[in-house]
């Protein structure tokens, strides 16, 4: 590869990188704002979370997804063995 070919590739890479920096500069500058928003939302959830698991909403339509009462394993029956 000639010297001019290398210079051309470097200039093309420089142009592409500068365009990427221009387009994503706003996202890079907003990263601290996003981190602060995440921390505030997490703290609100931490301090206002349910203190007692027996606390049910007044609407009565609360479903505990992590409770193992309605699992498929508890509802299945043992298979019968074949008699010969």
N, C-alpha and C. Protein backbone atom coordinates (compact mmCIF):
# COMPACT_ATOMS: atom_id res chain seq x y z
N UNK A 1 0.85 -1.17 0.00
CA UNK A 1 0.00 0.00 0.00
C UNK A 1 0.90 1.23 0.00
N UNK A 2 0.55 2.18 -0.81
CA UNK A 2 1.38 3.38 -0.94
C UNK A 2 1.12 4.34 0.22
N UNK A 3 1.98 5.32 0.28
CA UNK A 3 1.87 6.34 1.33
C UNK A 3 0.56 7.10 1.23
N UNK A 4 0.14 7.43 0.01
CA UNK A 4 -1.11 8.17 -0.18
C UNK A 4 -2.32 7.31 0.19
N UNK A 5 -2.24 6.01 -0.02
CA UNK A 5 -3.33 5.12 0.39
C UNK A 5 -3.50 5.09 1.90
N UNK A 6 -2.36 5.04 2.60
CA UNK A 6 -2.41 5.05 4.07
C UNK A 6 -2.96 6.38 4.57
N UNK A 7 -2.51 7.48 3.99
CA UNK A 7 -3.00 8.81 4.39
C UNK A 7 -4.50 8.92 4.13
N UNK A 8 -4.96 8.38 3.02
CA UNK A 8 -6.38 8.43 2.70
C UNK A 8 -7.20 7.63 3.71
N UNK A 9 -6.73 6.43 4.04
CA UNK A 9 -7.44 5.62 5.04
C UNK A 9 -7.48 6.30 6.41
N UNK A 10 -6.38 6.91 6.80
CA UNK A 10 -6.35 7.61 8.10
C UNK A 10 -7.29 8.80 8.09
N UNK A 11 -7.34 9.54 6.99
CA UNK A 11 -8.25 10.69 6.91
C UNK A 11 -9.72 10.24 6.92
N UNK A 12 -10.02 9.15 6.23
CA UNK A 12 -11.39 8.63 6.25
C UNK A 12 -11.78 8.18 7.66
N UNK A 13 -10.85 7.50 8.35
CA UNK A 13 -11.12 7.09 9.72
C UNK A 13 -11.31 8.30 10.63
N UNK A 14 -10.51 9.34 10.42
CA UNK A 14 -10.64 10.56 11.21
C UNK A 14 -11.99 11.23 10.99
N UNK A 15 -12.44 11.27 9.76
CA UNK A 15 -13.75 11.87 9.45
C UNK A 15 -14.87 11.06 10.09
N UNK A 16 -14.80 9.73 9.98
CA UNK A 16 -15.84 8.88 10.57
C UNK A 16 -15.87 9.02 12.09
N UNK A 17 -14.70 9.01 12.72
CA UNK A 17 -14.66 9.16 14.18
C UNK A 17 -15.15 10.52 14.63
N UNK A 18 -14.82 11.57 13.88
CA UNK A 18 -15.31 12.90 14.28
C UNK A 18 -16.82 13.00 14.13
N UNK A 19 -17.39 12.38 13.08
CA UNK A 19 -18.85 12.37 12.94
C UNK A 19 -19.51 11.60 14.07
N UNK A 20 -18.94 10.46 14.44
CA UNK A 20 -19.49 9.70 15.56
C UNK A 20 -19.44 10.50 16.85
N UNK A 21 -18.33 11.22 17.07
CA UNK A 21 -18.22 12.04 18.27
C UNK A 21 -19.28 13.14 18.29
N UNK A 22 -19.52 13.76 17.14
CA UNK A 22 -20.52 14.83 17.07
C UNK A 22 -21.91 14.29 17.35
N UNK A 23 -22.23 13.12 16.78
CA UNK A 23 -23.58 12.57 16.96
C UNK A 23 -23.81 12.06 18.37
N UNK A 24 -22.79 11.48 18.99
CA UNK A 24 -22.98 10.86 20.30
C UNK A 24 -22.48 11.72 21.45
N UNK A 25 -22.07 12.95 21.17
CA UNK A 25 -21.58 13.84 22.23
C UNK A 25 -22.69 14.14 23.23
N UNK A 26 -23.91 14.32 22.75
CA UNK A 26 -25.03 14.60 23.65
C UNK A 26 -25.28 13.43 24.58
N UNK A 27 -25.18 12.20 24.06
CA UNK A 27 -25.39 11.03 24.91
C UNK A 27 -24.28 10.90 25.95
N UNK A 28 -23.04 11.20 25.55
CA UNK A 28 -21.92 11.13 26.49
C UNK A 28 -22.10 12.18 27.59
N UNK A 29 -22.57 13.37 27.22
CA UNK A 29 -22.76 14.42 28.22
C UNK A 29 -23.94 14.13 29.14
N UNK A 30 -24.92 13.35 28.68
CA UNK A 30 -26.09 13.04 29.50
C UNK A 30 -25.90 11.82 30.41
N UNK A 31 -24.77 11.14 30.32
CA UNK A 31 -24.54 9.98 31.18
C UNK A 31 -24.61 10.30 32.67
N UNK A 32 -23.97 11.38 33.16
CA UNK A 32 -24.11 11.69 34.60
C UNK A 32 -25.55 11.98 35.01
N UNK A 33 -26.30 12.64 34.14
CA UNK A 33 -27.71 12.92 34.44
C UNK A 33 -28.49 11.62 34.55
N UNK A 34 -28.22 10.69 33.66
CA UNK A 34 -28.91 9.39 33.70
C UNK A 34 -28.54 8.62 34.97
N UNK A 35 -27.28 8.67 35.37
CA UNK A 35 -26.86 7.97 36.59
C UNK A 35 -27.53 8.57 37.82
N UNK A 36 -27.65 9.88 37.87
CA UNK A 36 -28.33 10.53 39.00
C UNK A 36 -29.80 10.16 39.01
N UNK A 37 -30.45 10.13 37.84
CA UNK A 37 -31.86 9.75 37.78
C UNK A 37 -32.06 8.31 38.23
N UNK A 38 -31.17 7.41 37.83
CA UNK A 38 -31.25 6.02 38.26
C UNK A 38 -31.12 5.92 39.77
N UNK A 39 -30.17 6.66 40.34
CA UNK A 39 -29.97 6.63 41.79
C UNK A 39 -31.19 7.16 42.54
N UNK A 40 -31.79 8.25 42.04
CA UNK A 40 -32.96 8.82 42.71
C UNK A 40 -34.14 7.86 42.64
N UNK A 41 -34.38 7.25 41.49
CA UNK A 41 -35.49 6.30 41.36
C UNK A 41 -35.26 5.09 42.25
N UNK A 42 -34.02 4.61 42.33
CA UNK A 42 -33.72 3.47 43.19
C UNK A 42 -33.93 3.83 44.66
N UNK A 43 -33.51 5.03 45.07
CA UNK A 43 -33.70 5.44 46.46
C UNK A 43 -35.17 5.58 46.81
N UNK A 44 -35.97 6.11 45.89
CA UNK A 44 -37.41 6.21 46.14
C UNK A 44 -38.00 4.82 46.31
N UNK A 45 -37.62 3.90 45.46
CA UNK A 45 -38.10 2.52 45.60
C UNK A 45 -37.61 1.86 46.87
N UNK A 46 -36.40 2.19 47.30
CA UNK A 46 -35.84 1.61 48.52
C UNK A 46 -36.60 2.08 49.75
N UNK A 47 -36.90 3.38 49.82
CA UNK A 47 -37.55 3.92 51.01
C UNK A 47 -39.06 3.72 51.02
N UNK A 48 -39.69 3.57 49.87
CA UNK A 48 -41.14 3.41 49.84
C UNK A 48 -41.55 1.99 49.52
N UNK A 49 -40.62 1.06 49.54
CA UNK A 49 -40.94 -0.33 49.23
C UNK A 49 -41.83 -0.95 50.30
N UNK A 50 -42.40 -2.11 49.97
CA UNK A 50 -43.27 -2.78 50.93
C UNK A 50 -42.46 -3.26 52.13
N UNK A 51 -42.88 -2.91 53.32
CA UNK A 51 -42.19 -3.32 54.53
C UNK A 51 -42.61 -4.72 54.95
N UNK A 52 -43.86 -5.07 54.67
CA UNK A 52 -44.41 -6.34 55.10
C UNK A 52 -44.93 -7.07 53.87
N UNK A 53 -44.53 -8.32 53.70
CA UNK A 53 -44.99 -9.05 52.51
C UNK A 53 -46.46 -9.40 52.59
N UNK A 54 -47.05 -9.36 53.77
CA UNK A 54 -48.47 -9.66 53.92
C UNK A 54 -49.34 -8.46 53.56
N UNK A 55 -48.72 -7.34 53.28
CA UNK A 55 -49.46 -6.14 52.88
C UNK A 55 -50.00 -6.34 51.48
N UNK A 56 -51.29 -6.44 51.34
CA UNK A 56 -51.90 -6.63 50.03
C UNK A 56 -52.54 -5.31 49.60
N UNK A 57 -52.56 -5.02 48.33
CA UNK A 57 -53.26 -3.82 47.88
C UNK A 57 -54.75 -3.91 48.16
N UNK A 58 -55.38 -2.77 48.33
CA UNK A 58 -56.80 -2.77 48.67
C UNK A 58 -57.67 -3.26 47.51
N UNK A 59 -57.14 -3.22 46.29
CA UNK A 59 -57.95 -3.66 45.15
C UNK A 59 -58.12 -5.17 45.14
N UNK A 60 -57.23 -5.91 45.76
CA UNK A 60 -57.36 -7.35 45.85
C UNK A 60 -56.91 -8.10 44.62
N UNK A 61 -56.34 -7.43 43.64
CA UNK A 61 -55.91 -8.13 42.44
C UNK A 61 -54.41 -8.33 42.40
N UNK A 62 -53.78 -8.33 43.55
CA UNK A 62 -52.34 -8.54 43.62
C UNK A 62 -52.02 -10.02 43.45
N UNK A 63 -51.04 -10.34 42.63
CA UNK A 63 -50.61 -11.73 42.43
C UNK A 63 -49.11 -11.81 42.67
N UNK A 64 -48.71 -12.66 43.57
CA UNK A 64 -47.29 -12.84 43.86
C UNK A 64 -46.70 -13.82 42.85
N UNK A 65 -45.92 -13.32 41.92
CA UNK A 65 -45.38 -14.14 40.84
C UNK A 65 -44.32 -15.11 41.33
N UNK A 66 -43.72 -14.84 42.48
CA UNK A 66 -42.64 -15.68 42.96
C UNK A 66 -43.10 -16.72 43.96
N UNK A 67 -44.38 -16.78 44.22
CA UNK A 67 -44.92 -17.76 45.14
C UNK A 67 -45.07 -19.09 44.41
N UNK A 68 -44.75 -20.20 45.07
CA UNK A 68 -44.70 -21.50 44.40
C UNK A 68 -45.96 -22.31 44.65
N UNK A 69 -47.11 -21.68 44.82
CA UNK A 69 -48.34 -22.41 45.12
C UNK A 69 -48.92 -23.03 43.86
N UNK A 70 -48.96 -22.30 42.79
CA UNK A 70 -49.61 -22.78 41.58
C UNK A 70 -48.62 -23.37 40.58
N UNK A 71 -47.58 -23.98 41.07
CA UNK A 71 -46.58 -24.51 40.14
C UNK A 71 -47.10 -25.78 39.47
N UNK A 72 -46.58 -26.06 38.32
CA UNK A 72 -47.00 -27.23 37.54
C UNK A 72 -46.56 -28.51 38.24
N UNK A 73 -45.43 -28.47 38.92
CA UNK A 73 -44.92 -29.67 39.57
C UNK A 73 -45.83 -30.14 40.70
N UNK A 74 -46.45 -29.22 41.41
CA UNK A 74 -47.32 -29.62 42.51
C UNK A 74 -48.65 -30.15 42.01
N UNK A 75 -49.03 -29.85 40.77
CA UNK A 75 -50.31 -30.28 40.24
C UNK A 75 -50.22 -31.59 39.47
N UNK A 76 -49.03 -31.99 39.06
CA UNK A 76 -48.90 -33.21 38.27
C UNK A 76 -48.97 -34.43 39.17
N UNK A 77 -49.49 -35.51 38.62
CA UNK A 77 -49.59 -36.77 39.35
C UNK A 77 -48.44 -37.67 38.94
N UNK A 78 -48.14 -38.63 39.79
CA UNK A 78 -47.10 -39.58 39.46
C UNK A 78 -47.58 -40.50 38.34
N UNK A 79 -46.69 -40.89 37.45
CA UNK A 79 -47.06 -41.75 36.33
C UNK A 79 -47.25 -43.18 36.80
N UNK A 80 -48.22 -43.83 36.23
CA UNK A 80 -48.45 -45.23 36.56
C UNK A 80 -47.47 -46.09 35.78
N UNK A 81 -47.00 -47.14 36.44
CA UNK A 81 -46.06 -48.04 35.79
C UNK A 81 -46.83 -49.10 35.01
N UNK A 82 -46.26 -49.55 33.93
CA UNK A 82 -46.86 -50.55 33.07
C UNK A 82 -46.73 -51.93 33.71
N UNK A 83 -47.85 -52.65 33.80
CA UNK A 83 -47.81 -54.00 34.36
C UNK A 83 -47.60 -55.00 33.24
N UNK A 84 -46.72 -55.96 33.44
CA UNK A 84 -46.45 -56.96 32.41
C UNK A 84 -46.96 -58.30 32.81
